[in-house]
C-alpha cells in the first residue's frame, strides 16, 4: 500500500444530469487529497468514471505540477468495440499520462479484476462512484475496504 497514492473505480454509465455535480465533488475531493500530500493517482482507463477521474487529474496537474497520473490498463486491446470518439479520448489520456502499465498483453477473463487489484494494492485511498451493490465496481470497493484503504464514494455526496 502506497501512503500517497489514490486509485479510482466507478461505473461506466454515469447519469448525465448528475455529471456537473459528480465532477464538482470529484474535483473538491482531489484538491483536498492533493493538499494532504497525495501525489499519485491511478486510473484503470475504463469508460465513465475512470475517464472522468483521469481527465480531472490531468486538468489539476496544471495547477499542481507535483501530481502524477498512472494508468493501469487491463490489456493493450482494451478499446476493442468502443466508439471512435471514446477511443480518441482514451488515447489522449494515455498520451498525457505520466506512466502506463498493462496488467496483461491481451484480453483474458479476469484481466479487469487483475487491473483493479493492482490499483487497490498500490494505493491508500480509493475514490469511487458506486451506486449498486454488485458488479466490478462493488467488488473493487469491497476489496479496497478489506485491504484497509480509505474509501470515498462520490455518489454518496450527490443530492445530500
Foldseek 3Di string as FASTA:
>chain_A
DDEQEEEEEEDQDDPPVCVVVLLVLLLVVVVVSVVVPRAEYEAALHHDPSLSNLVSQLVCCVVVVRHFYEYEYLEPPVCVPPDPVSVVSSVVSVVSGPYYHYQYHDDDVCSSVSSLVVRLVNYQEYEYADDDCDDDRNVSVVVSVVVNHHYHHSNVVPPD
